[in-house]
């Protein structure tokens, strides 16, 4: 998944509801280039929050 309209130089905390092991910190440039999300279930889902500076 890729995000749009972020500040490329800002730092964002990426917080997962159910898969906290995937929590990470990325720059806006990294997030706009794409974020890899792994779901282990065939029909899995996930809530993802960006904590904006």
N, C-alpha and C. Protein backbone atom coordinates (compact mmCIF):
# COMPACT_ATOMS: atom_id res chain seq x y z
N UNK A 1 0.84 -1.16 0.00
CA UNK A 1 0.00 0.00 0.00
C UNK A 1 0.88 1.22 0.00
N UNK A 2 0.46 2.27 -0.70
CA UNK A 2 1.23 3.51 -0.75
C UNK A 2 0.34 4.66 -0.30
N UNK A 3 0.92 5.60 0.39
CA UNK A 3 0.21 6.77 0.90
C UNK A 3 0.50 7.96 0.00
N UNK A 4 -0.38 8.96 0.05
CA UNK A 4 -0.20 10.19 -0.73
C UNK A 4 -0.31 11.39 0.19
N UNK A 5 0.32 12.48 -0.21
CA UNK A 5 0.16 13.76 0.47
C UNK A 5 0.87 13.89 1.80
N UNK A 6 1.82 13.03 2.09
CA UNK A 6 2.58 13.13 3.34
C UNK A 6 3.77 14.07 3.16
N UNK A 7 4.24 14.60 4.26
CA UNK A 7 5.47 15.39 4.24
C UNK A 7 6.63 14.42 4.09
N UNK A 8 7.37 14.47 2.98
CA UNK A 8 8.44 13.49 2.74
C UNK A 8 9.51 13.46 3.83
N UNK A 9 9.76 14.59 4.48
CA UNK A 9 10.82 14.66 5.48
C UNK A 9 10.33 14.33 6.90
N UNK A 10 9.02 14.29 7.11
CA UNK A 10 8.47 14.03 8.44
C UNK A 10 8.58 12.55 8.79
N UNK A 11 8.57 12.26 10.08
CA UNK A 11 8.61 10.89 10.58
C UNK A 11 7.22 10.52 11.08
N UNK A 12 6.75 9.33 10.73
CA UNK A 12 5.42 8.85 11.10
C UNK A 12 5.55 7.51 11.81
N UNK A 13 4.79 7.35 12.90
CA UNK A 13 4.69 6.04 13.55
C UNK A 13 3.55 5.28 12.88
N UNK A 14 3.83 4.06 12.44
CA UNK A 14 2.83 3.20 11.81
C UNK A 14 2.44 2.16 12.85
N UNK A 15 1.17 2.20 13.27
CA UNK A 15 0.70 1.37 14.38
C UNK A 15 -0.37 0.40 13.88
N UNK A 16 -0.14 -0.90 14.12
CA UNK A 16 -1.06 -1.95 13.72
C UNK A 16 -1.89 -2.38 14.93
N UNK A 17 -3.19 -2.58 14.72
CA UNK A 17 -4.09 -2.99 15.80
C UNK A 17 -3.78 -4.40 16.30
N UNK A 18 -3.73 -5.37 15.40
CA UNK A 18 -3.60 -6.77 15.80
C UNK A 18 -2.20 -7.34 15.63
N UNK A 19 -1.39 -6.76 14.80
CA UNK A 19 -0.06 -7.29 14.52
C UNK A 19 0.99 -6.28 14.98
N UNK A 20 1.08 -6.11 16.30
CA UNK A 20 1.96 -5.09 16.85
C UNK A 20 3.42 -5.33 16.51
N UNK A 21 3.77 -6.56 16.14
CA UNK A 21 5.16 -6.84 15.75
C UNK A 21 5.53 -6.11 14.46
N UNK A 22 4.52 -5.65 13.70
CA UNK A 22 4.78 -4.92 12.46
C UNK A 22 4.82 -3.40 12.68
N UNK A 23 4.59 -2.93 13.93
CA UNK A 23 4.68 -1.50 14.20
C UNK A 23 6.07 -1.00 13.79
N UNK A 24 6.11 0.20 13.22
CA UNK A 24 7.37 0.72 12.72
C UNK A 24 7.32 2.24 12.65
N UNK A 25 8.44 2.84 12.41
CA UNK A 25 8.54 4.28 12.17
C UNK A 25 9.14 4.47 10.79
N UNK A 26 8.51 5.31 9.98
CA UNK A 26 8.95 5.55 8.60
C UNK A 26 8.87 7.03 8.30
N UNK A 27 9.64 7.45 7.31
CA UNK A 27 9.50 8.83 6.83
C UNK A 27 8.32 8.89 5.85
N UNK A 28 7.84 10.10 5.62
CA UNK A 28 6.78 10.27 4.63
C UNK A 28 7.20 9.77 3.26
N UNK A 29 8.46 9.99 2.89
CA UNK A 29 8.97 9.52 1.60
C UNK A 29 8.90 8.00 1.51
N UNK A 30 9.27 7.31 2.58
CA UNK A 30 9.21 5.84 2.59
C UNK A 30 7.78 5.35 2.46
N UNK A 31 6.85 5.97 3.16
CA UNK A 31 5.45 5.55 3.11
C UNK A 31 4.82 5.82 1.75
N UNK A 32 5.22 6.92 1.11
CA UNK A 32 4.67 7.22 -0.22
C UNK A 32 5.25 6.28 -1.28
N UNK A 33 6.43 5.69 -0.99
CA UNK A 33 7.01 4.71 -1.90
C UNK A 33 6.34 3.35 -1.75
N UNK A 34 5.70 3.11 -0.60
CA UNK A 34 4.96 1.87 -0.37
C UNK A 34 5.29 1.24 0.97
N UNK A 35 4.29 0.61 1.56
CA UNK A 35 4.43 -0.07 2.84
C UNK A 35 3.98 -1.51 2.65
N UNK A 36 4.82 -2.45 3.01
CA UNK A 36 4.48 -3.86 2.91
C UNK A 36 3.75 -4.30 4.18
N UNK A 37 2.59 -4.92 4.02
CA UNK A 37 1.79 -5.41 5.14
C UNK A 37 1.58 -6.91 4.94
N UNK A 38 1.90 -7.69 5.95
CA UNK A 38 1.75 -9.13 5.87
C UNK A 38 0.54 -9.58 6.68
N UNK A 39 -0.39 -10.27 6.02
CA UNK A 39 -1.54 -10.87 6.69
C UNK A 39 -1.39 -12.38 6.56
N UNK A 40 -1.39 -13.09 7.68
CA UNK A 40 -1.16 -14.54 7.63
C UNK A 40 -2.43 -15.32 7.29
N UNK A 41 -3.59 -14.73 7.52
CA UNK A 41 -4.84 -15.41 7.21
C UNK A 41 -5.25 -15.14 5.77
N UNK A 42 -5.91 -16.12 5.14
CA UNK A 42 -6.36 -15.96 3.76
C UNK A 42 -7.32 -14.79 3.62
N UNK A 43 -8.23 -14.64 4.55
CA UNK A 43 -9.21 -13.55 4.49
C UNK A 43 -9.00 -12.60 5.67
N UNK A 44 -7.76 -12.31 5.98
CA UNK A 44 -7.42 -11.48 7.13
C UNK A 44 -7.66 -10.00 6.86
N UNK A 45 -7.65 -9.23 7.93
CA UNK A 45 -7.78 -7.78 7.83
C UNK A 45 -6.95 -7.14 8.94
N UNK A 46 -6.74 -5.86 8.84
CA UNK A 46 -5.93 -5.14 9.82
C UNK A 46 -6.31 -3.67 9.81
N UNK A 47 -6.29 -3.07 10.98
CA UNK A 47 -6.46 -1.62 11.12
C UNK A 47 -5.06 -1.04 11.30
N UNK A 48 -4.75 -0.02 10.51
CA UNK A 48 -3.44 0.62 10.57
C UNK A 48 -3.63 2.11 10.80
N UNK A 49 -2.90 2.64 11.77
CA UNK A 49 -2.95 4.07 12.06
C UNK A 49 -1.60 4.70 11.76
N UNK A 50 -1.65 5.92 11.26
CA UNK A 50 -0.44 6.75 11.14
C UNK A 50 -0.52 7.81 12.21
N UNK A 51 0.47 7.84 13.05
CA UNK A 51 0.53 8.91 14.04
C UNK A 51 1.29 10.05 13.41
N UNK A 52 0.55 11.10 13.10
CA UNK A 52 1.07 12.22 12.32
C UNK A 52 1.74 13.23 13.25
N UNK A 53 2.90 13.71 12.82
CA UNK A 53 3.63 14.67 13.68
C UNK A 53 2.87 15.98 13.86
